[in-house]
Amino acid sequence: MFNNLSEKLDKALHTLKGHGKITEVNVAETLKEVRRALLDADVNFKIAKNFTKTVKEKALGQDVLTTLNPGQLMVKLVKDELTELMGGDTVSINLGGSPTVILMSGLQGSGKTTFSGKLANYLKTKKSKQVLLVGCDVYRPAAINQLRVVGEQIGVEVYAEEGNQNPVEISQNAIKHAKANGKNVVIIDTAGRLAVDEEMMTEISNIHKAVSPQETLFVVDSMTGQDAVNTAKAFNDVLNFDGVVLTKLDGDTRGGAALSIKSVVDKPIKFIGTGEKMDAIDVFHPSRMADRILGMGDVVSLVERAQEQYDEEEARKLQKKIAKNQFGFDDFLNQINQIKKMGSMKDLVGMIPGAGKALKDVDIDDDAFKGIEAIIHSMTPEERSTPSVINASRKKRIAKGSGTSVQEVNQLMKQFDQMSKMMKMMQGGGGRKMMQMMKGMR
């Protein structure tokens, strides 16, 4: 996420982070490099220029040159300005109304239909809402089919009308259906086009007037950079939407859209899409994103994701097993599955301070645990519950069955042994204290 921008900003600020002499000249030179990094990320020239001008004024106004840690203060100023550039405060989605009507807008290919499903899943699982998805793309039958597949995947009803070519009627009928069937959120997926055109704008404007949504979201492909910002302005002029959704932030995103869109349309970024899975959706926090761009990680979001997967009853059972030396490979597998539920490995690593930079050339994919899982699945129930019975001949069989080598099996056994010892050490209240600390950080 924003790897290229992060790297260039880190290089630009590197001189000032050190203990060398800080002067007005090298502050200006550093900010020139910061501006270049922003322009390379496809940030609007005027925005990039104003950004560095503001940082310089604040730096000189706060006597950065004479402070004890001028480099650190400069990084903080850049971080604060990045936060402001992306909106400053976190803005929540409006869930008022009975039902809440959410209108999705955007160009074809922006990820609008997929994100409609992600949002439905988020509201269903995190906010306990009864959601209805509505297919109003009457021009592409594939769009309705895609929405149905998504709906089935997340267990959410999809409303569509075969043969009806009037999206205004469909959306109005869908709201009646929602009221009659106890649905308290209606998400309307509208038609997209390959480019902004008058017909498209008239149609979505008519839907908007007919249903009076509590929330109108503009979905934009973050990989399109400055073009995305221009499209957002065109939609906002017609719809006056409430917020922006940035999709495909897990790809080779330059950052231009995220850093420019708030300044251009003066609307907050409310959500981001961080992967292909239906749970790959995050509320957008400008401050946390600024931290990630500057390589500081995002520990708060990491803790929140860990807390979502934390089951107190399961934790108590696990503690009893550890206390009795009964922690086995089935338990180990459960821990792996909990980590996988937290999101993509690349995204999780990016939340650890310094890890993104340290592992920038390492390819981290979601199959990172595949070999470990194959080895464990090749064990017998007895071997999984009592690892001490695994001898040399058993290791050969396990390696053969999992398509791995005896060396890899040995390596896993060693890691498992170290993990078991560490967990045993934490039994004296350490594990509980850690989780309490994590809860306190929320």
Protein backbone atom coordinates (compact mmCIF):
# COMPACT_ATOMS: atom_id res chain seq x y z
CA MET A 1 0.00 0.00 0.00
CA PHE A 2 1.66 3.23 -1.21
CA ASN A 3 5.05 1.47 -1.14
CA ASN A 4 6.64 3.68 -3.79
CA LEU A 5 5.46 6.91 -2.14
CA SER A 6 6.58 5.65 1.29
CA GLU A 7 10.04 4.85 -0.02
CA LYS A 8 10.47 8.25 -1.69
CA LEU A 9 9.23 10.18 1.33
CA ASP A 10 11.58 8.17 3.56
CA LYS A 11 14.52 9.10 1.31
CA ALA A 12 13.47 12.75 1.27
CA LEU A 13 13.28 12.92 5.07
CA HIS A 14 16.33 10.72 5.71
CA THR A 15 18.80 13.63 5.98
CA LEU A 16 16.70 15.42 8.54
CA LYS A 17 16.11 12.25 10.56
CA GLY A 18 19.87 11.97 11.23
CA HIS A 19 22.00 13.96 13.64
CA GLY A 20 23.61 16.22 11.02
CA LYS A 21 23.26 19.98 11.06
CA ILE A 22 19.80 21.15 10.04
CA THR A 23 19.62 24.38 8.08
CA GLU A 24 16.93 26.38 6.33
CA VAL A 25 18.61 25.41 3.06
CA ASN A 26 18.41 21.63 3.56
CA VAL A 27 14.87 21.93 4.97
CA ALA A 28 13.91 23.60 1.69
CA GLU A 29 15.79 20.94 -0.29
CA THR A 30 14.07 18.14 1.66
CA LEU A 31 10.63 19.64 1.04
CA LYS A 32 11.48 19.95 -2.65
CA GLU A 33 12.07 16.16 -2.65
CA VAL A 34 8.83 15.64 -0.72
CA ARG A 35 6.97 17.63 -3.39
CA ARG A 36 8.63 15.53 -6.12
CA ALA A 37 7.56 12.34 -4.31
CA LEU A 38 3.96 13.59 -4.17
CA LEU A 39 3.97 14.52 -7.87
CA ASP A 40 5.39 11.08 -8.75
CA ALA A 41 2.46 9.61 -6.81
CA ASP A 42 0.13 11.50 -9.20
CA VAL A 43 -0.90 14.14 -6.67
CA ASN A 44 -2.24 17.34 -8.21
CA PHE A 45 0.60 19.89 -8.69
CA LYS A 46 -1.22 22.70 -6.87
CA ILE A 47 -2.00 20.41 -3.91
CA ALA A 48 1.62 19.18 -3.72
CA LYS A 49 2.92 22.76 -3.87
CA ASN A 50 0.54 23.99 -1.15
CA PHE A 51 1.41 20.94 0.98
CA THR A 52 5.16 21.66 1.05
CA LYS A 53 4.57 25.40 1.45
CA THR A 54 2.41 24.78 4.55
CA VAL A 55 4.92 22.33 6.05
CA LYS A 56 7.78 24.82 5.50
CA GLU A 57 5.83 27.68 7.12
CA LYS A 58 4.97 25.52 10.13
CA ALA A 59 8.56 24.25 10.37
CA LEU A 60 10.09 27.72 10.42
CA GLY A 61 7.30 28.99 12.66
CA GLN A 62 8.04 26.28 15.23
CA ASP A 63 11.82 26.90 15.11
CA VAL A 64 12.54 23.41 13.79
CA LEU A 65 16.19 24.35 13.21
CA THR A 66 16.87 24.94 16.91
CA THR A 67 14.90 22.05 18.45
CA LEU A 68 16.62 19.06 20.06
CA ASN A 69 15.27 16.63 17.42
CA PRO A 70 14.62 18.71 14.31
CA GLY A 71 14.35 15.64 12.07
CA GLN A 72 11.67 14.03 14.24
CA LEU A 73 9.70 17.27 14.39
CA MET A 74 9.82 17.58 10.60
CA VAL A 75 8.50 14.02 10.21
CA LYS A 76 5.68 14.88 12.64
CA LEU A 77 4.80 18.02 10.66
CA VAL A 78 4.71 16.03 7.40
CA LYS A 79 2.59 13.35 9.10
CA ASP A 80 0.13 15.93 10.48
CA GLU A 81 -0.18 17.62 7.09
CA LEU A 82 -0.72 14.27 5.33
CA THR A 83 -3.48 13.56 7.85
CA GLU A 84 -5.15 16.91 7.12
CA LEU A 85 -4.77 16.38 3.37
CA MET A 86 -6.70 13.10 3.64
CA GLY A 87 -9.49 14.63 5.72
CA GLY A 88 -8.17 14.99 9.27
CA ASP A 89 -10.87 13.18 11.25
CA THR A 90 -12.46 9.78 10.67
CA VAL A 91 -16.02 10.19 9.34
CA SER A 92 -18.53 7.41 10.00
CA ILE A 93 -21.24 6.19 7.64
CA ASN A 94 -24.73 7.56 8.33
CA LEU A 95 -27.03 4.70 9.34
CA GLY A 96 -30.12 6.81 10.06
CA GLY A 97 -33.44 6.27 8.31
CA SER A 98 -35.84 3.34 8.33
CA PRO A 99 -34.52 1.69 6.31
CA THR A 100 -31.10 3.28 5.74
CA VAL A 101 -30.69 3.76 1.98
CA ILE A 102 -27.14 3.75 0.62
CA LEU A 103 -26.64 4.71 -3.04
CA MET A 104 -23.44 3.48 -4.71
CA SER A 105 -22.04 5.47 -7.63
CA GLY A 106 -18.93 5.23 -9.82
CA LEU A 107 -17.55 4.26 -13.19
CA GLN A 108 -17.62 0.74 -14.59
CA GLY A 109 -14.57 -1.20 -13.41
CA SER A 110 -14.12 0.80 -10.22
CA GLY A 111 -15.07 -2.20 -8.07
CA LYS A 112 -18.52 -0.80 -7.19
CA THR A 113 -20.48 -4.08 -7.27
CA THR A 114 -17.83 -5.97 -5.30
CA PHE A 115 -17.62 -3.18 -2.75
CA SER A 116 -21.43 -3.12 -2.40
CA GLY A 117 -21.09 -6.76 -1.27
CA LYS A 118 -18.22 -5.93 1.09
CA LEU A 119 -20.22 -3.09 2.64
CA ALA A 120 -23.26 -5.36 3.03
CA ASN A 121 -21.07 -7.97 4.73
CA TYR A 122 -19.49 -5.31 6.99
CA LEU A 123 -22.90 -3.94 8.06
CA LYS A 124 -24.27 -7.44 8.59
CA THR A 125 -21.34 -8.79 10.63
CA LYS A 126 -20.03 -5.66 12.42
CA LYS A 127 -23.23 -3.63 12.85
CA SER A 128 -25.78 -6.50 13.04
CA LYS A 129 -27.89 -5.04 10.22
CA GLN A 130 -30.42 -6.82 8.01
CA VAL A 131 -29.20 -5.81 4.55
CA LEU A 132 -30.83 -5.88 1.11
CA LEU A 133 -28.64 -5.54 -2.00
CA VAL A 134 -30.36 -4.00 -5.03
CA GLY A 135 -29.25 -4.55 -8.64
CA CYS A 136 -30.02 -1.42 -10.68
CA ASP A 137 -27.57 -1.95 -13.54
CA VAL A 138 -30.20 -2.71 -16.20
CA TYR A 139 -27.66 -2.57 -19.05
CA ARG A 140 -25.32 -5.37 -18.02
CA PRO A 141 -26.98 -8.69 -17.06
CA ALA A 142 -23.54 -9.80 -15.85
CA ALA A 143 -23.65 -7.06 -13.18
CA ILE A 144 -26.88 -8.47 -11.69
CA ASN A 145 -25.44 -12.00 -11.81
CA GLN A 146 -22.25 -10.79 -10.12
CA LEU A 147 -24.32 -9.15 -7.36
CA ARG A 148 -26.30 -12.39 -6.88
CA VAL A 149 -23.07 -14.40 -6.55
CA VAL A 150 -21.75 -11.89 -4.01
CA GLY A 151 -25.05 -11.94 -2.11
CA GLU A 152 -25.04 -15.73 -1.92
CA GLN A 153 -21.44 -15.71 -0.75
CA ILE A 154 -22.19 -13.44 2.23
CA GLY A 155 -25.74 -14.61 2.93
CA VAL A 156 -27.46 -11.35 1.94
CA GLU A 157 -30.67 -11.15 -0.16
CA VAL A 158 -30.39 -9.53 -3.60
CA TYR A 159 -33.37 -7.69 -5.11
CA ALA A 160 -33.58 -7.43 -8.91
CA GLU A 161 -36.40 -7.24 -11.47
CA GLU A 162 -36.00 -9.23 -14.66
CA GLY A 163 -37.21 -7.31 -17.72
CA ASN A 164 -37.65 -3.98 -15.94
CA GLN A 165 -35.43 -1.37 -17.58
CA ASN A 166 -36.35 1.44 -15.19
CA PRO A 167 -33.77 1.71 -12.36
CA VAL A 168 -35.83 4.37 -10.54
CA GLU A 169 -38.82 1.99 -10.31
CA ILE A 170 -36.58 -0.91 -9.28
CA SER A 171 -34.98 1.09 -6.46
CA GLN A 172 -38.35 2.34 -5.19
CA ASN A 173 -39.84 -1.19 -5.28
CA ALA A 174 -36.73 -2.51 -3.49
CA ILE A 175 -37.26 -0.08 -0.60
CA LYS A 176 -40.91 -1.23 -0.30
CA HIS A 177 -39.68 -4.85 -0.31
CA ALA A 178 -37.13 -4.02 2.41
CA LYS A 179 -39.78 -2.44 4.65
CA ALA A 180 -42.11 -5.42 4.17
CA ASN A 181 -39.38 -7.94 4.96
CA GLY A 182 -37.64 -6.41 7.97
CA LYS A 183 -34.54 -5.12 6.18
CA ASN A 184 -33.05 -2.04 7.83
CA VAL A 185 -30.34 -1.24 5.24
CA VAL A 186 -30.78 -1.04 1.45
CA ILE A 187 -27.65 -0.81 -0.71
CA ILE A 188 -28.40 0.22 -4.31
CA ASP A 189 -25.77 -0.79 -6.86
CA THR A 190 -26.21 1.53 -9.86
CA ALA A 191 -24.97 1.21 -13.44
CA GLY A 192 -21.46 2.36 -14.30
CA ARG A 193 -20.04 3.53 -17.61
CA LEU A 194 -16.57 3.47 -19.10
CA ALA A 195 -16.61 7.28 -18.96
CA VAL A 196 -18.75 10.06 -17.52
CA ASP A 197 -21.66 10.87 -19.85
CA GLU A 198 -24.86 12.92 -19.65
CA GLU A 199 -27.21 9.91 -19.80
CA MET A 200 -25.44 8.24 -16.89
CA MET A 201 -25.52 11.38 -14.76
CA THR A 202 -29.21 12.00 -15.47
CA GLU A 203 -30.09 8.42 -14.54
CA ILE A 204 -28.24 8.36 -11.22
CA SER A 205 -29.52 11.83 -10.39
CA ASN A 206 -33.10 10.59 -10.94
CA ILE A 207 -32.51 7.59 -8.65
CA HIS A 208 -31.00 9.91 -6.05
CA LYS A 209 -34.04 12.22 -6.11
CA ALA A 210 -36.50 9.29 -6.00
CA VAL A 211 -35.02 7.41 -3.02
CA SER A 212 -33.46 10.29 -0.98
CA PRO A 213 -30.58 8.16 0.33
CA GLN A 214 -29.10 8.73 3.78
CA GLU A 215 -25.70 8.00 2.28
CA THR A 216 -24.40 8.42 -1.27
CA LEU A 217 -20.95 6.92 -1.79
CA PHE A 218 -18.65 7.44 -4.75
CA VAL A 219 -16.51 4.36 -5.45
CA VAL A 220 -13.17 5.02 -7.11
CA ASP A 221 -10.35 2.77 -8.29
CA SER A 222 -7.35 4.10 -6.36
CA MET A 223 -4.98 2.84 -9.07
CA THR A 224 -6.26 5.45 -11.55
CA GLY A 225 -4.69 8.37 -9.66
CA GLN A 226 -5.49 11.89 -10.86
CA ASP A 227 -8.15 10.68 -13.33
CA ALA A 228 -10.09 9.33 -10.36
CA VAL A 229 -10.09 12.76 -8.75
CA ASN A 230 -11.44 14.40 -11.91
CA THR A 231 -14.21 11.78 -12.15
CA ALA A 232 -15.07 12.33 -8.48
CA LYS A 233 -15.53 16.05 -9.15
CA ALA A 234 -17.89 15.35 -12.08
CA PHE A 235 -20.04 13.02 -9.94
CA ASN A 236 -20.02 15.37 -6.96
CA ASP A 237 -21.24 18.28 -9.09
CA VAL A 238 -24.36 16.21 -9.90
CA LEU A 239 -24.91 14.12 -6.75
CA ASN A 240 -23.25 16.10 -3.97
CA PHE A 241 -22.26 12.71 -2.54
CA ASP A 242 -21.49 12.12 1.15
CA GLY A 243 -18.26 10.19 0.97
CA VAL A 244 -15.63 8.39 -1.08
CA VAL A 245 -14.66 4.72 -1.19
CA LEU A 246 -11.16 3.86 -2.41
CA THR A 247 -10.89 0.35 -3.85
CA LYS A 248 -7.88 -1.79 -4.85
CA LEU A 249 -5.53 -0.28 -2.28
CA ASP A 250 -3.80 -3.67 -2.12
CA GLY A 251 -2.53 -3.17 -5.70
CA ASP A 252 0.25 -0.98 -7.07
CA THR A 253 -1.39 2.20 -5.78
CA ARG A 254 0.49 5.43 -6.37
CA GLY A 255 -1.50 7.37 -3.79
CA GLY A 256 -2.66 10.32 -5.88
CA ALA A 257 -6.38 9.67 -5.37
CA ALA A 258 -6.14 9.22 -1.59
CA LEU A 259 -4.03 12.35 -1.16
CA SER A 260 -5.89 14.64 -3.58
CA ILE A 261 -9.57 13.74 -3.51
CA LYS A 262 -10.51 15.47 -0.21
CA SER A 263 -8.97 18.78 -1.35
CA VAL A 264 -10.79 18.67 -4.71
CA VAL A 265 -14.31 17.59 -3.70
CA ASP A 266 -14.20 18.41 0.04
CA LYS A 267 -15.80 15.06 0.90
CA PRO A 268 -14.32 12.49 3.32
CA ILE A 269 -12.91 9.11 2.37
CA LYS A 270 -15.09 6.75 4.43
CA PHE A 271 -13.96 3.26 3.43
CA ILE A 272 -11.09 1.50 1.67
CA GLY A 273 -11.00 -1.87 -0.07
CA THR A 274 -7.82 -3.80 0.74
CA GLY A 275 -8.20 -7.11 -1.09
CA GLU A 276 -10.48 -9.44 -3.00
CA LYS A 277 -12.14 -11.21 -0.07
CA MET A 278 -15.52 -10.02 1.19
CA ASP A 279 -14.06 -8.98 4.56
CA ALA A 280 -11.29 -6.89 2.94
CA ILE A 281 -12.87 -3.57 3.90
CA ASP A 282 -11.63 -0.99 6.40
CA VAL A 283 -13.01 2.24 7.79
CA PHE A 284 -10.67 5.00 6.59
CA HIS A 285 -8.64 6.70 9.34
CA PRO A 286 -6.57 9.59 7.89
CA SER A 287 -4.13 9.67 10.81
CA ARG A 288 -3.46 5.91 10.68
CA MET A 289 -3.00 6.04 6.91
CA ALA A 290 -0.49 8.89 7.26
CA ASP A 291 1.44 6.72 9.75
CA ARG A 292 1.51 3.86 7.24
CA ILE A 293 2.64 6.09 4.38
CA LEU A 294 5.56 7.29 6.53
CA GLY A 295 6.50 3.72 7.49
CA MET A 296 5.27 4.03 11.09
CA GLY A 297 2.82 1.15 10.80
CA ASP A 298 -0.71 1.06 12.21
CA VAL A 299 -0.66 -0.76 15.54
CA VAL A 300 -4.15 0.40 16.57
CA SER A 301 -5.80 -1.19 13.50
CA LEU A 302 -3.71 -4.36 14.02
CA VAL A 303 -4.92 -4.59 17.63
CA GLU A 304 -8.55 -3.99 16.57
CA ARG A 305 -8.35 -6.82 14.06
CA ALA A 306 -6.81 -9.12 16.67
CA GLN A 307 -9.58 -8.21 19.10
CA GLU A 308 -12.26 -9.09 16.52
CA GLN A 309 -10.88 -12.63 16.38
CA TYR A 310 -10.36 -12.95 20.13
CA ASP A 311 -12.74 -15.46 21.70
CA GLU A 312 -12.55 -15.45 25.53
CA GLU A 313 -14.04 -18.93 25.89
CA GLU A 314 -11.57 -20.41 23.39
CA ALA A 315 -8.74 -18.52 25.10
CA ARG A 316 -9.66 -20.08 28.47
CA LYS A 317 -9.69 -23.58 26.95
CA LEU A 318 -6.32 -22.91 25.36
CA GLN A 319 -4.83 -21.69 28.65
CA LYS A 320 -5.92 -24.92 30.37
CA LYS A 321 -4.29 -27.00 27.62
CA ILE A 322 -1.05 -25.03 27.86
CA ALA A 323 -1.00 -25.39 31.65
CA LYS A 324 -1.35 -29.17 31.30
CA ASN A 325 1.20 -29.39 28.43
CA GLN A 326 -1.61 -30.50 26.09
CA PHE A 327 -1.12 -27.81 23.44
CA GLY A 328 -1.10 -29.69 20.13
CA PHE A 329 -0.95 -29.10 16.38
CA ASP A 330 -4.76 -28.80 16.12
CA ASP A 331 -4.53 -25.83 18.50
CA PHE A 332 -1.63 -24.45 16.45
CA LEU A 333 -3.78 -24.75 13.32
CA ASN A 334 -6.61 -22.85 15.04
CA GLN A 335 -4.19 -20.02 15.86
CA ILE A 336 -3.11 -19.85 12.20
CA ASN A 337 -6.74 -19.70 11.06
CA GLN A 338 -7.38 -16.78 13.45
CA ILE A 339 -4.42 -14.89 11.98
CA LYS A 340 -5.69 -15.55 8.43
CA LYS A 341 -9.11 -14.15 9.36
CA MET A 342 -7.44 -10.86 10.30
CA GLY A 343 -6.73 -10.08 6.63
CA SER A 344 -4.07 -10.44 3.98
CA MET A 345 -0.54 -11.07 5.26
CA LYS A 346 0.85 -8.17 3.22
CA ASP A 347 -1.65 -5.80 4.81
CA LEU A 348 -0.92 -7.09 8.34
CA VAL A 349 2.85 -6.72 7.86
CA GLY A 350 2.27 -3.13 6.70
CA MET A 351 0.67 -2.39 10.08
CA ILE A 352 3.81 -3.35 12.01
CA PRO A 353 6.09 -0.31 12.48
CA GLY A 354 9.21 -0.65 10.32
CA ALA A 355 8.23 -4.06 8.93
CA GLY A 356 7.00 -2.71 5.58
CA LYS A 357 10.38 -1.10 4.92
CA ALA A 358 12.39 -4.08 6.20
CA LEU A 359 10.43 -6.54 4.04
CA LYS A 360 9.82 -4.32 0.98
CA ASP A 361 11.56 -6.77 -1.38
CA VAL A 362 10.02 -9.86 0.21
CA ASP A 363 6.96 -11.30 -1.56
CA ILE A 364 4.40 -11.99 1.16
CA ASP A 365 1.31 -13.73 -0.10
CA ASP A 366 -1.73 -15.27 1.53
CA ASP A 367 -0.31 -18.76 0.95
CA ALA A 368 2.39 -18.13 3.58
CA PHE A 369 0.92 -20.85 5.84
CA LYS A 370 0.17 -23.33 3.05
CA GLY A 371 3.21 -25.56 3.71
CA ILE A 372 2.62 -25.59 7.47
CA GLU A 373 -1.05 -26.50 7.02
CA ALA A 374 -0.14 -29.31 4.58
CA ILE A 375 2.30 -30.80 7.10
CA ILE A 376 -0.22 -30.66 9.96
CA HIS A 377 -3.01 -32.14 7.80
CA SER A 378 -0.68 -35.05 6.95
CA MET A 379 -0.39 -36.00 10.62
CA THR A 380 -2.64 -38.56 12.32
CA PRO A 381 -5.04 -37.37 15.07
CA GLU A 382 -2.67 -38.89 17.64
CA GLU A 383 0.34 -37.01 16.20
CA ARG A 384 -1.55 -33.72 16.19
CA SER A 385 -2.70 -34.09 19.80
CA THR A 386 0.56 -35.59 21.12
CA PRO A 387 3.49 -34.22 19.03
CA SER A 388 6.04 -36.06 21.21
CA VAL A 389 5.15 -39.36 19.47
CA ILE A 390 6.50 -38.09 16.13
CA ASN A 391 9.73 -39.99 15.48
CA ALA A 392 12.04 -40.21 12.43
CA SER A 393 9.91 -42.71 10.49
CA ARG A 394 6.73 -40.72 11.16
CA LYS A 395 8.47 -37.54 9.94
CA LYS A 396 9.31 -39.28 6.64
CA ARG A 397 5.69 -40.29 6.18
CA ILE A 398 4.41 -36.80 7.06
CA ALA A 399 6.88 -35.18 4.65
CA LYS A 400 5.86 -37.52 1.84
CA GLY A 401 2.14 -36.98 2.49
CA SER A 402 2.45 -33.19 2.56
CA GLY A 403 4.77 -32.86 -0.43
CA THR A 404 7.49 -31.34 1.75
CA SER A 405 10.91 -32.45 3.03
CA VAL A 406 11.90 -33.99 6.37
CA GLN A 407 13.94 -30.83 6.94
CA GLU A 408 10.77 -28.69 6.65
CA VAL A 409 8.94 -31.03 9.05
CA ASN A 410 11.83 -30.72 11.51
CA GLN A 411 11.76 -26.94 11.16
CA LEU A 412 8.03 -26.83 11.94
CA MET A 413 8.53 -29.14 14.93
CA LYS A 414 11.24 -26.81 16.24
CA GLN A 415 9.08 -23.70 15.76
CA PHE A 416 6.14 -25.44 17.42
CA ASP A 417 8.31 -26.43 20.39
CA GLN A 418 9.60 -22.85 20.80
CA MET A 419 6.06 -21.46 20.57
CA SER A 420 4.80 -23.98 23.17
CA LYS A 421 7.58 -22.98 25.60
CA MET A 422 6.87 -19.29 25.09
CA MET A 423 3.14 -19.78 25.70
CA LYS A 424 3.92 -21.80 28.82
CA MET A 425 6.07 -18.91 30.10
CA MET A 426 3.20 -16.50 29.51
CA GLN A 427 0.80 -18.60 31.57
CA GLY A 428 1.54 -16.69 34.76
CA GLY A 429 -0.96 -14.01 33.84
CA GLY A 430 1.23 -12.60 31.07
CA GLY A 431 -1.12 -13.60 28.27
CA ARG A 432 -4.16 -12.14 30.03
CA LYS A 433 -2.30 -8.92 30.75
CA MET A 434 -1.32 -8.66 27.10
CA MET A 435 -4.93 -9.00 25.93
CA GLN A 436 -6.06 -6.45 28.56
CA MET A 437 -3.44 -4.02 27.26
CA MET A 438 -4.65 -4.64 23.70
CA LYS A 439 -8.25 -3.94 24.78
CA GLY A 440 -7.12 -0.71 26.42
CA MET A 441 -5.60 0.50 23.17
CA ARG A 442 -8.91 0.41 21.32
